[in-house]
Amino acid sequence: MQTSDERELVEVIEAHLPYDGPHSRDTVIAAAEGLPHLIRYLNNATQPGTARRTLEWANTIDSAAVS
Protein backbone atom coordinates (compact mmCIF):
# COMPACT_ATOMS: atom_id res chain seq x y z
CA MET A 1 0.00 0.00 0.00
CA GLN A 2 1.35 3.40 -0.96
CA THR A 3 1.69 6.24 1.50
CA SER A 4 0.30 9.65 0.64
CA ASP A 5 3.86 10.87 -0.10
CA GLU A 6 4.39 7.99 -2.53
CA ARG A 7 1.06 8.66 -4.27
CA GLU A 8 1.94 12.35 -4.47
CA LEU A 9 5.26 11.58 -6.16
CA VAL A 10 3.55 9.33 -8.71
CA GLU A 11 0.95 12.01 -9.36
CA VAL A 12 3.65 14.63 -9.96
CA ILE A 13 5.44 12.37 -12.43
CA GLU A 14 2.19 11.47 -14.21
CA ALA A 15 1.20 15.15 -14.38
CA HIS A 16 4.45 16.11 -16.10
CA LEU A 17 5.07 12.93 -18.10
CA PRO A 18 1.74 11.20 -18.75
CA TYR A 19 2.11 7.68 -20.10
CA ASP A 20 -0.18 8.34 -23.06
CA GLY A 21 1.47 11.64 -23.94
CA PRO A 22 1.48 13.98 -25.55
CA HIS A 23 5.03 12.94 -26.32
CA SER A 24 7.57 15.38 -27.66
CA ARG A 25 11.31 15.71 -27.96
CA ASP A 26 11.31 17.77 -24.76
CA THR A 27 9.30 15.27 -22.69
CA VAL A 28 11.47 12.37 -23.84
CA ILE A 29 14.63 14.31 -22.94
CA ALA A 30 13.14 15.31 -19.56
CA ALA A 31 12.32 11.69 -18.76
CA ALA A 32 15.79 10.54 -19.77
CA GLU A 33 17.44 13.31 -17.73
CA GLY A 34 15.47 12.20 -14.67
CA LEU A 35 16.76 8.63 -14.74
CA PRO A 36 20.23 9.32 -13.29
CA HIS A 37 18.61 11.19 -10.39
CA LEU A 38 16.28 8.29 -9.65
CA ILE A 39 19.15 5.79 -9.89
CA ARG A 40 21.26 7.94 -7.55
CA TYR A 41 18.36 8.05 -5.09
CA LEU A 42 17.90 4.27 -5.26
CA ASN A 43 21.60 3.61 -4.81
CA ASN A 44 21.74 5.87 -1.77
CA ALA A 45 18.52 4.51 -0.25
CA THR A 46 19.68 0.90 -0.59
CA GLN A 47 23.30 1.17 0.46
CA PRO A 48 24.49 -1.31 3.10
CA GLY A 49 23.58 0.98 6.00
CA THR A 50 19.94 1.30 4.97
CA ALA A 51 19.28 -1.84 2.90
CA ARG A 52 17.75 -3.74 5.82
CA ARG A 53 15.02 -1.07 6.06
CA THR A 54 14.58 -0.60 2.31
CA LEU A 55 15.47 -3.29 -0.25
CA GLU A 56 18.55 -5.44 -0.12
CA TRP A 57 20.51 -5.62 -3.36
CA ALA A 58 18.46 -2.84 -4.98
CA ASN A 59 21.64 -0.76 -5.21
CA THR A 60 22.64 -2.98 -8.14
CA ILE A 61 20.10 -1.05 -10.23
CA ASP A 62 22.92 1.23 -11.37
CA SER A 63 24.76 -1.52 -13.24
CA ALA A 64 21.51 -2.92 -14.62
CA ALA A 65 20.14 0.43 -15.78
CA VAL A 66 23.26 1.64 -17.53
CA SER A 67 23.89 -1.63 -19.36
PDB file of N, CA and C in Angstrom:
ATOM      1  N   MET A   1       0.838  -1.179   0.000  1.00  0.00           N
ATOM      2  CA  MET A   1       0.000   0.000   0.000  1.00  0.00           C
ATOM      3  C   MET A   1       0.887   1.247   0.000  1.00  0.00           C
ATOM      4  N   GLN A   2       0.567   2.179  -0.849  1.00  0.00           N
ATOM      5  CA  GLN A   2       1.351   3.399  -0.959  1.00  0.00           C
ATOM      6  C   GLN A   2       0.956   4.404   0.109  1.00  0.00           C
ATOM      7  N   THR A   3       1.961   5.141   0.583  1.00  0.00           N
ATOM      8  CA  THR A   3       1.690   6.237   1.496  1.00  0.00           C
ATOM      9  C   THR A   3       1.223   7.439   0.680  1.00  0.00           C
ATOM     10  N   SER A   4       0.736   8.454   1.359  1.00  0.00           N
ATOM     11  CA  SER A   4       0.295   9.653   0.637  1.00  0.00           C
ATOM     12  C   SER A   4       1.471  10.327  -0.064  1.00  0.00           C
ATOM     13  N   ASP A   5       2.669  10.290   0.544  1.00  0.00           N
ATOM     14  CA  ASP A   5       3.856  10.868  -0.103  1.00  0.00           C
ATOM     15  C   ASP A   5       4.201  10.115  -1.382  1.00  0.00           C
ATOM     16  N   GLU A   6       4.092   8.787  -1.344  1.00  0.00           N
ATOM     17  CA  GLU A   6       4.386   7.990  -2.535  1.00  0.00           C
ATOM     18  C   GLU A   6       3.363   8.263  -3.638  1.00  0.00           C
ATOM     19  N   ARG A   7       2.103   8.344  -3.278  1.00  0.00           N
ATOM     20  CA  ARG A   7       1.062   8.659  -4.266  1.00  0.00           C
ATOM     21  C   ARG A   7       1.291  10.042  -4.856  1.00  0.00           C
ATOM     22  N   GLU A   8       1.690  10.987  -4.009  1.00  0.00           N
ATOM     23  CA  GLU A   8       1.935  12.352  -4.468  1.00  0.00           C
ATOM     24  C   GLU A   8       3.074  12.378  -5.483  1.00  0.00           C
ATOM     25  N   LEU A   9       4.133  11.630  -5.226  1.00  0.00           N
ATOM     26  CA  LEU A   9       5.256  11.579  -6.158  1.00  0.00           C
ATOM     27  C   LEU A   9       4.814  11.002  -7.498  1.00  0.00           C
ATOM     28  N   VAL A  10       4.054   9.926  -7.470  1.00  0.00           N
ATOM     29  CA  VAL A  10       3.552   9.326  -8.706  1.00  0.00           C
ATOM     30  C   VAL A  10       2.660  10.310  -9.452  1.00  0.00           C
ATOM     31  N   GLU A  11       1.829  11.021  -8.729  1.00  0.00           N
ATOM     32  CA  GLU A  11       0.945  12.007  -9.358  1.00  0.00           C
ATOM     33  C   GLU A  11       1.738  13.138 -10.021  1.00  0.00           C
ATOM     34  N   VAL A  12       2.810  13.580  -9.378  1.00  0.00           N
ATOM     35  CA  VAL A  12       3.653  14.633  -9.958  1.00  0.00           C
ATOM     36  C   VAL A  12       4.286  14.132 -11.258  1.00  0.00           C
ATOM     37  N   ILE A  13       4.821  12.927 -11.224  1.00  0.00           N
ATOM     38  CA  ILE A  13       5.440  12.367 -12.426  1.00  0.00           C
ATOM     39  C   ILE A  13       4.404  12.229 -13.533  1.00  0.00           C
ATOM     40  N   GLU A  14       3.247  11.658 -13.202  1.00  0.00           N
ATOM     41  CA  GLU A  14       2.191  11.475 -14.205  1.00  0.00           C
ATOM     42  C   GLU A  14       1.698  12.811 -14.761  1.00  0.00           C
ATOM     43  N   ALA A  15       1.661  13.842 -13.921  1.00  0.00           N
ATOM     44  CA  ALA A  15       1.200  15.153 -14.384  1.00  0.00           C
ATOM     45  C   ALA A  15       2.162  15.752 -15.411  1.00  0.00           C
ATOM     46  N   HIS A  16       3.446  15.526 -15.214  1.00  0.00           N
ATOM     47  CA  HIS A  16       4.447  16.110 -16.099  1.00  0.00           C
ATOM     48  C   HIS A  16       4.809  15.205 -17.272  1.00  0.00           C
ATOM     49  N   LEU A  17       4.707  13.899 -17.064  1.00  0.00           N
ATOM     50  CA  LEU A  17       5.075  12.934 -18.099  1.00  0.00           C
ATOM     51  C   LEU A  17       4.002  11.856 -18.202  1.00  0.00           C
ATOM     52  N   PRO A  18       2.796  12.200 -18.669  1.00  0.00           N
ATOM     53  CA  PRO A  18       1.739  11.204 -18.755  1.00  0.00           C
ATOM     54  C   PRO A  18       2.113  10.071 -19.711  1.00  0.00           C
ATOM     55  N   TYR A  19       1.778   8.875 -19.319  1.00  0.00           N
ATOM     56  CA  TYR A  19       2.108   7.685 -20.095  1.00  0.00           C
ATOM     57  C   TYR A  19       1.621   7.791 -21.537  1.00  0.00           C
ATOM     58  N   ASP A  20       0.410   8.262 -21.728  1.00  0.00           N
ATOM     59  CA  ASP A  20      -0.180   8.344 -23.064  1.00  0.00           C
ATOM     60  C   ASP A  20       0.158   9.634 -23.814  1.00  0.00           C
ATOM     61  N   GLY A  21       1.040  10.436 -23.250  1.00  0.00           N
ATOM     62  CA  GLY A  21       1.469  11.643 -23.941  1.00  0.00           C
ATOM     63  C   GLY A  21       0.636  12.844 -23.574  1.00  0.00           C
ATOM     64  N   PRO A  22       0.786  13.899 -24.272  1.00  0.00           N
ATOM     65  CA  PRO A  22       1.480  13.976 -25.552  1.00  0.00           C
ATOM     66  C   PRO A  22       2.992  13.836 -25.384  1.00  0.00           C
ATOM     67  N   HIS A  23       3.590  13.149 -26.323  1.00  0.00           N
ATOM     68  CA  HIS A  23       5.031  12.941 -26.315  1.00  0.00           C
ATOM     69  C   HIS A  23       5.679  13.949 -27.251  1.00  0.00           C
ATOM     70  N   SER A  24       6.807  14.457 -26.821  1.00  0.00           N
ATOM     71  CA  SER A  24       7.568  15.381 -27.661  1.00  0.00           C
ATOM     72  C   SER A  24       9.047  15.147 -27.392  1.00  0.00           C
ATOM     73  N   ARG A  25       9.854  15.799 -28.169  1.00  0.00           N
ATOM     74  CA  ARG A  25      11.305  15.709 -27.961  1.00  0.00           C
ATOM     75  C   ARG A  25      11.651  16.157 -26.539  1.00  0.00           C
ATOM     76  N   ASP A  26      11.025  17.235 -26.086  1.00  0.00           N
ATOM     77  CA  ASP A  26      11.312  17.773 -24.757  1.00  0.00           C
ATOM     78  C   ASP A  26      10.895  16.826 -23.633  1.00  0.00           C
ATOM     79  N   THR A  27       9.730  16.177 -23.768  1.00  0.00           N
ATOM     80  CA  THR A  27       9.298  15.266 -22.695  1.00  0.00           C
ATOM     81  C   THR A  27      10.165  14.017 -22.644  1.00  0.00           C
ATOM     82  N   VAL A  28      10.595  13.541 -23.811  1.00  0.00           N
ATOM     83  CA  VAL A  28      11.475  12.369 -23.836  1.00  0.00           C
ATOM     84  C   VAL A  28      12.826  12.713 -23.205  1.00  0.00           C
ATOM     85  N   ILE A  29      13.356  13.878 -23.541  1.00  0.00           N
ATOM     86  CA  ILE A  29      14.626  14.309 -22.943  1.00  0.00           C
ATOM     87  C   ILE A  29      14.472  14.504 -21.441  1.00  0.00           C
ATOM     88  N   ALA A  30      13.367  15.106 -20.998  1.00  0.00           N
ATOM     89  CA  ALA A  30      13.138  15.315 -19.563  1.00  0.00           C
ATOM     90  C   ALA A  30      13.079  13.987 -18.823  1.00  0.00           C
ATOM     91  N   ALA A  31      12.402  13.003 -19.392  1.00  0.00           N
ATOM     92  CA  ALA A  31      12.318  11.687 -18.756  1.00  0.00           C
ATOM     93  C   ALA A  31      13.700  11.047 -18.668  1.00  0.00           C
ATOM     94  N   ALA A  32      14.453  11.124 -19.757  1.00  0.00           N
ATOM     95  CA  ALA A  32      15.792  10.542 -19.770  1.00  0.00           C
ATOM     96  C   ALA A  32      16.714  11.243 -18.777  1.00  0.00           C
ATOM     97  N   GLU A  33      16.597  12.565 -18.676  1.00  0.00           N
ATOM     98  CA  GLU A  33      17.441  13.306 -17.730  1.00  0.00           C
ATOM     99  C   GLU A  33      17.091  12.982 -16.280  1.00  0.00           C
ATOM    100  N   GLY A  34      15.870  12.553 -16.027  1.00  0.00           N
ATOM    101  CA  GLY A  34      15.470  12.205 -14.674  1.00  0.00           C
ATOM    102  C   GLY A  34      15.992  10.861 -14.203  1.00  0.00           C
ATOM    103  N   LEU A  35      16.308   9.968 -15.127  1.00  0.00           N
ATOM    104  CA  LEU A  35      16.756   8.626 -14.745  1.00  0.00           C
ATOM    105  C   LEU A  35      17.989   8.614 -13.853  1.00  0.00           C
ATOM    106  N   PRO A  36      19.057   9.349 -14.178  1.00  0.00           N
ATOM    107  CA  PRO A  36      20.226   9.316 -13.289  1.00  0.00           C
ATOM    108  C   PRO A  36      19.904   9.779 -11.862  1.00  0.00           C
ATOM    109  N   HIS A  37      18.984  10.717 -11.725  1.00  0.00           N
ATOM    110  CA  HIS A  37      18.610  11.192 -10.391  1.00  0.00           C
ATOM    111  C   HIS A  37      17.873  10.098  -9.612  1.00  0.00           C
ATOM    112  N   LEU A  38      16.994   9.387 -10.301  1.00  0.00           N
ATOM    113  CA  LEU A  38      16.283   8.288  -9.647  1.00  0.00           C
ATOM    114  C   LEU A  38      17.237   7.151  -9.284  1.00  0.00           C
ATOM    115  N   ILE A  39      18.170   6.845 -10.165  1.00  0.00           N
ATOM    116  CA  ILE A  39      19.147   5.793  -9.887  1.00  0.00           C
ATOM    117  C   ILE A  39      20.027   6.194  -8.713  1.00  0.00           C
ATOM    118  N   ARG A  40      20.442   7.453  -8.674  1.00  0.00           N
ATOM    119  CA  ARG A  40      21.255   7.938  -7.551  1.00  0.00           C
ATOM    120  C   ARG A  40      20.488   7.810  -6.239  1.00  0.00           C
ATOM    121  N   TYR A  41      19.204   8.179  -6.273  1.00  0.00           N
ATOM    122  CA  TYR A  41      18.360   8.050  -5.090  1.00  0.00           C
ATOM    123  C   TYR A  41      18.277   6.587  -4.651  1.00  0.00           C
ATOM    124  N   LEU A  42      18.008   5.693  -5.591  1.00  0.00           N
ATOM    125  CA  LEU A  42      17.900   4.271  -5.261  1.00  0.00           C
ATOM    126  C   LEU A  42      19.197   3.716  -4.704  1.00  0.00           C
ATOM    127  N   ASN A  43      20.310   4.083  -5.314  1.00  0.00           N
ATOM    128  CA  ASN A  43      21.603   3.613  -4.812  1.00  0.00           C
ATOM    129  C   ASN A  43      21.849   4.087  -3.383  1.00  0.00           C
ATOM    130  N   ASN A  44      21.531   5.339  -3.113  1.00  0.00           N
ATOM    131  CA  ASN A  44      21.736   5.869  -1.771  1.00  0.00           C
ATOM    132  C   ASN A  44      20.774   5.230  -0.760  1.00  0.00           C
ATOM    133  N   ALA A  45      19.532   5.054  -1.161  1.00  0.00           N
ATOM    134  CA  ALA A  45      18.517   4.513  -0.249  1.00  0.00           C
ATOM    135  C   ALA A  45      18.705   3.031   0.030  1.00  0.00           C
ATOM    136  N   THR A  46      19.511   2.345  -0.774  1.00  0.00           N
ATOM    137  CA  THR A  46      19.682   0.904  -0.593  1.00  0.00           C
ATOM    138  C   THR A  46      21.127   0.520  -0.316  1.00  0.00           C
ATOM    139  N   GLN A  47      21.925   1.491   0.113  1.00  0.00           N
ATOM    140  CA  GLN A  47      23.304   1.172   0.463  1.00  0.00           C
ATOM    141  C   GLN A  47      23.317   0.275   1.697  1.00  0.00           C
ATOM    142  N   PRO A  48      24.451  -0.357   2.001  1.00  0.00           N
ATOM    143  CA  PRO A  48      24.485  -1.312   3.102  1.00  0.00           C
ATOM    144  C   PRO A  48      23.915  -0.806   4.428  1.00  0.00           C
ATOM    145  N   GLY A  49      24.089   0.460   4.739  1.00  0.00           N
ATOM    146  CA  GLY A  49      23.583   0.983   6.001  1.00  0.00           C
ATOM    147  C   GLY A  49      22.071   1.088   6.093  1.00  0.00           C
ATOM    148  N   THR A  50      21.399   1.149   4.958  1.00  0.00           N
ATOM    149  CA  THR A  50      19.942   1.303   4.967  1.00  0.00           C
ATOM    150  C   THR A  50      19.201   0.142   4.317  1.00  0.00           C
ATOM    151  N   ALA A  51      19.911  -0.775   3.675  1.00  0.00           N
ATOM    152  CA  ALA A  51      19.280  -1.841   2.903  1.00  0.00           C
ATOM    153  C   ALA A  51      18.334  -2.708   3.734  1.00  0.00           C
ATOM    154  N   ARG A  52      18.634  -2.897   4.995  1.00  0.00           N
ATOM    155  CA  ARG A  52      17.746  -3.736   5.823  1.00  0.00           C
ATOM    156  C   ARG A  52      16.370  -3.102   5.987  1.00  0.00           C
ATOM    157  N   ARG A  53      16.308  -1.765   5.930  1.00  0.00           N
ATOM    158  CA  ARG A  53      15.020  -1.067   6.056  1.00  0.00           C
ATOM    159  C   ARG A  53      14.360  -0.850   4.706  1.00  0.00           C
ATOM    160  N   THR A  54      15.137  -0.890   3.635  1.00  0.00           N
ATOM    161  CA  THR A  54      14.578  -0.599   2.310  1.00  0.00           C
ATOM    162  C   THR A  54      14.521  -1.891   1.495  1.00  0.00           C
ATOM    163  N   LEU A  55      15.427  -2.074   0.573  1.00  0.00           N
ATOM    164  CA  LEU A  55      15.468  -3.287  -0.254  1.00  0.00           C
ATOM    165  C   LEU A  55      16.909  -3.735  -0.405  1.00  0.00           C
ATOM    166  N   GLU A  56      17.197  -4.928   0.048  1.00  0.00           N
ATOM    167  CA  GLU A  56      18.552  -5.437  -0.119  1.00  0.00           C
ATOM    168  C   GLU A  56      18.822  -5.693  -1.594  1.00  0.00           C
ATOM    169  N   TRP A  57      20.000  -5.412  -2.007  1.00  0.00           N
ATOM    170  CA  TRP A  57      20.513  -5.615  -3.364  1.00  0.00           C
ATOM    171  C   TRP A  57      19.914  -4.663  -4.394  1.00  0.00           C
ATOM    172  N   ALA A  58      19.026  -3.779  -4.010  1.00  0.00           N
ATOM    173  CA  ALA A  58      18.461  -2.845  -4.975  1.00  0.00           C
ATOM    174  C   ALA A  58      19.499  -1.867  -5.485  1.00  0.00           C
ATOM    175  N   ASN A  59      20.606  -1.691  -4.752  1.00  0.00           N
ATOM    176  CA  ASN A  59      21.635  -0.762  -5.214  1.00  0.00           C
ATOM    177  C   ASN A  59      22.339  -1.265  -6.470  1.00  0.00           C
ATOM    178  N   THR A  60      22.071  -2.472  -6.884  1.00  0.00           N
ATOM    179  CA  THR A  60      22.637  -2.979  -8.135  1.00  0.00           C
ATOM    180  C   THR A  60      21.893  -2.435  -9.347  1.00  0.00           C
ATOM    181  N   ILE A  61      20.854  -1.639  -9.125  1.00  0.00           N
ATOM    182  CA  ILE A  61      20.095  -1.051 -10.226  1.00  0.00           C
ATOM    183  C   ILE A  61      20.990  -0.228 -11.134  1.00  0.00           C
ATOM    184  N   ASP A  62      22.023   0.385 -10.571  1.00  0.00           N
ATOM    185  CA  ASP A  62      22.918   1.226 -11.371  1.00  0.00           C
ATOM    186  C   ASP A  62      23.539   0.422 -12.496  1.00  0.00           C
ATOM    187  N   SER A  63      24.122  -0.724 -12.183  1.00  0.00           N
ATOM    188  CA  SER A  63      24.757  -1.516 -13.236  1.00  0.00           C
ATOM    189  C   SER A  63      23.737  -2.094 -14.206  1.00  0.00           C
ATOM    190  N   ALA A  64      22.536  -2.387 -13.735  1.00  0.00           N
ATOM    191  CA  ALA A  64      21.509  -2.921 -14.620  1.00  0.00           C
ATOM    192  C   ALA A  64      20.950  -1.832 -15.529  1.00  0.00           C
ATOM    193  N   ALA A  65      20.768  -0.639 -15.019  1.00  0.00           N
ATOM    194  CA  ALA A  65      20.141   0.434 -15.775  1.00  0.00           C
ATOM    195  C   ALA A  65      21.060   1.049 -16.821  1.00  0.00           C
ATOM    196  N   VAL A  66      22.345   1.025 -16.575  1.00  0.00           N
ATOM    197  CA  VAL A  66      23.263   1.643 -17.526  1.00  0.00           C
ATOM    198  C   VAL A  66      23.832   0.638 -18.520  1.00  0.00           C
ATOM    199  N   SER A  67      23.396  -0.590 -18.424  1.00  0.00           N
ATOM    200  CA  SER A  67      23.890  -1.628 -19.361  1.00  0.00           C
ATOM    201  C   SER A  67      23.336  -1.420 -20.753  1.00  0.00           C
TER     202      SER A  67
END
